[in-house]
Amino acid sequence: QVQLVESGGGSMQAGGSLRLSCAGSGFTYAYYCMAWFRQAPGKEREGVAAFDTHNGRTSYGDFVKGRFTISQDTLKNITYLQMNSLIPEDTAMYYCAAAIGGCTEVGGEVRPPRRGEYNYWGQGTQVTVLL
């Protein structure tokens, strides 16, 4: 059974940076699509970024606008989300997720993650961005 444990959340002033980590274990398939989602109070969970462990390709939600970077340490099975230029609208619970197989591609590009496509989820880590 895949288990995902997030860490690295906290409070930060606007304009600052945080790096979230997702430690994964129990992987049995050759490839997974690893992703970060976020959910703010009263809002739906939205896809932030995805990383295809098969080929290292990535995708991001439109709101990221070059501020975030998803990466993975394959030896340690840790997926990172580096978040820069944080704004108050980034305040949310951030979740790590894994989908069996590679990430979904559309037109040759990795599609930003969609909640319904992921098999495993972590418990989340809170990110709060202060004015």
Protein backbone atom coordinates (compact mmCIF):
# COMPACT_ATOMS: atom_id res chain seq x y z
CA GLN A 1 0.00 0.00 0.00
CA VAL A 2 1.42 3.37 -1.01
CA GLN A 3 1.83 5.81 1.83
CA LEU A 4 2.54 9.51 1.39
CA VAL A 5 3.63 11.84 4.17
CA GLU A 6 3.86 15.58 3.60
CA SER A 7 6.01 18.03 5.53
CA GLY A 8 7.39 21.52 5.22
CA GLY A 9 4.27 23.61 5.58
CA GLY A 10 4.04 26.63 7.85
CA SER A 11 3.42 30.36 7.97
CA MET A 12 5.29 32.73 5.72
CA GLN A 13 5.19 36.40 4.81
CA ALA A 14 4.04 37.26 1.31
CA GLY A 15 6.95 37.18 -1.09
CA GLY A 16 8.70 34.42 0.80
CA SER A 17 9.45 30.81 -0.09
CA LEU A 18 8.65 27.37 1.25
CA ARG A 19 9.63 23.89 0.18
CA LEU A 20 7.17 21.09 0.74
CA SER A 21 8.28 17.47 0.85
CA CYS A 22 6.32 14.29 0.23
CA ALA A 23 7.96 11.09 1.44
CA GLY A 24 6.53 8.09 -0.33
CA SER A 25 6.73 4.36 0.42
CA GLY A 26 5.13 1.11 -0.67
CA PHE A 27 5.43 1.74 -4.40
CA THR A 28 4.99 -1.47 -6.40
CA TYR A 29 4.45 -0.25 -9.97
CA ALA A 30 7.23 0.90 -12.25
CA TYR A 31 5.92 4.43 -12.74
CA TYR A 32 3.66 6.88 -11.00
CA CYS A 33 2.43 10.36 -11.61
CA MET A 34 3.25 12.34 -8.47
CA ALA A 35 1.32 15.52 -7.85
CA TRP A 36 0.56 18.30 -5.42
CA PHE A 37 -2.94 19.60 -4.85
CA ARG A 38 -4.24 22.30 -2.57
CA GLN A 39 -7.53 23.11 -0.95
CA ALA A 40 -8.47 26.40 0.67
CA PRO A 41 -11.44 26.67 3.06
CA GLY A 42 -14.71 26.66 1.14
CA LYS A 43 -13.02 25.89 -2.17
CA GLU A 44 -12.54 22.77 -4.24
CA ARG A 45 -9.25 20.90 -4.26
CA GLU A 46 -7.19 22.04 -7.23
CA GLY A 47 -4.14 20.62 -8.95
CA VAL A 48 -0.91 22.54 -8.37
CA ALA A 49 1.76 20.49 -10.15
CA ALA A 50 2.51 17.02 -11.48
CA PHE A 51 5.71 15.06 -12.04
CA ASP A 52 5.94 12.01 -14.28
CA THR A 53 8.40 9.54 -12.73
CA HIS A 54 8.76 7.79 -16.10
CA ASN A 55 10.30 10.70 -17.97
CA GLY A 56 10.63 13.60 -15.51
CA ARG A 57 8.12 15.76 -17.36
CA THR A 58 6.09 18.23 -15.36
CA SER A 59 2.97 20.35 -15.52
CA TYR A 60 1.49 23.16 -13.45
CA GLY A 61 -1.82 24.81 -12.73
CA ASP A 62 -2.27 28.12 -14.53
CA PHE A 63 -2.21 30.05 -11.26
CA VAL A 64 1.37 28.91 -10.54
CA LYS A 65 2.74 31.26 -13.23
CA GLY A 66 6.35 30.14 -12.87
CA ARG A 67 6.47 30.53 -9.10
CA PHE A 68 6.49 26.84 -8.12
CA THR A 69 8.70 23.93 -9.12
CA ILE A 70 7.96 20.24 -8.63
CA SER A 71 10.84 17.78 -8.50
CA GLN A 72 11.71 14.36 -7.19
CA ASP A 73 14.59 12.61 -5.50
CA THR A 74 14.06 9.18 -7.03
CA LEU A 75 16.51 7.41 -4.73
CA LYS A 76 14.72 8.63 -1.62
CA ASN A 77 11.20 8.61 -3.12
CA ILE A 78 10.66 12.19 -2.02
CA THR A 79 8.67 14.61 -4.16
CA TYR A 80 9.26 18.30 -3.55
CA LEU A 81 7.29 21.45 -4.24
CA GLN A 82 9.42 24.57 -4.15
CA MET A 83 7.17 27.58 -3.77
CA ASN A 84 8.54 31.07 -4.35
CA SER A 85 6.95 34.53 -4.42
CA LEU A 86 4.15 33.35 -2.18
CA ILE A 87 0.96 35.37 -2.08
CA PRO A 88 -1.92 35.21 0.43
CA GLU A 89 -4.03 33.39 -2.18
CA ASP A 90 -1.63 30.46 -1.85
CA THR A 91 -2.92 29.82 1.66
CA ALA A 92 -4.35 26.30 1.71
CA MET A 93 -3.84 22.74 2.83
CA TYR A 94 -1.41 21.14 0.41
CA TYR A 95 -1.75 17.46 -0.43
CA CYS A 96 0.61 15.03 -2.11
CA ALA A 97 -0.94 12.42 -4.39
CA ALA A 98 0.16 9.50 -6.53
CA ALA A 99 -1.43 7.94 -9.59
CA ILE A 100 -0.41 4.55 -10.96
CA GLY A 101 1.29 4.86 -14.33
CA GLY A 102 2.62 7.98 -15.99
CA CYS A 103 0.90 11.34 -16.02
CA THR A 104 -1.91 11.98 -18.49
CA GLU A 105 -0.76 13.76 -21.64
CA VAL A 106 -2.81 15.91 -23.98
CA GLY A 107 -1.33 17.06 -27.27
CA GLY A 108 2.09 15.85 -26.20
CA GLU A 109 2.04 17.88 -23.00
CA VAL A 110 1.53 16.64 -19.46
CA ARG A 111 -1.87 17.78 -18.31
CA PRO A 112 -2.19 19.60 -14.97
CA PRO A 113 -3.36 17.15 -12.31
CA ARG A 114 -7.03 16.33 -11.81
CA ARG A 115 -8.24 15.04 -8.48
CA GLY A 116 -10.20 12.05 -9.77
CA GLU A 117 -7.16 10.46 -11.44
CA TYR A 118 -5.13 9.86 -8.27
CA ASN A 119 -5.12 6.62 -6.29
CA TYR A 120 -3.24 7.63 -3.14
CA TRP A 121 -3.23 10.72 -0.96
CA GLY A 122 -1.31 12.09 1.98
CA GLN A 123 -2.84 13.82 5.00
CA GLY A 124 -1.78 17.28 3.94
CA THR A 125 0.39 20.10 5.25
CA GLN A 126 -0.92 23.59 5.94
CA VAL A 127 0.57 26.62 4.20
CA THR A 128 -0.42 30.07 5.42
CA VAL A 129 0.83 33.20 3.65
CA LEU A 130 0.55 36.44 5.61
CA LEU A 131 0.30 39.95 4.24
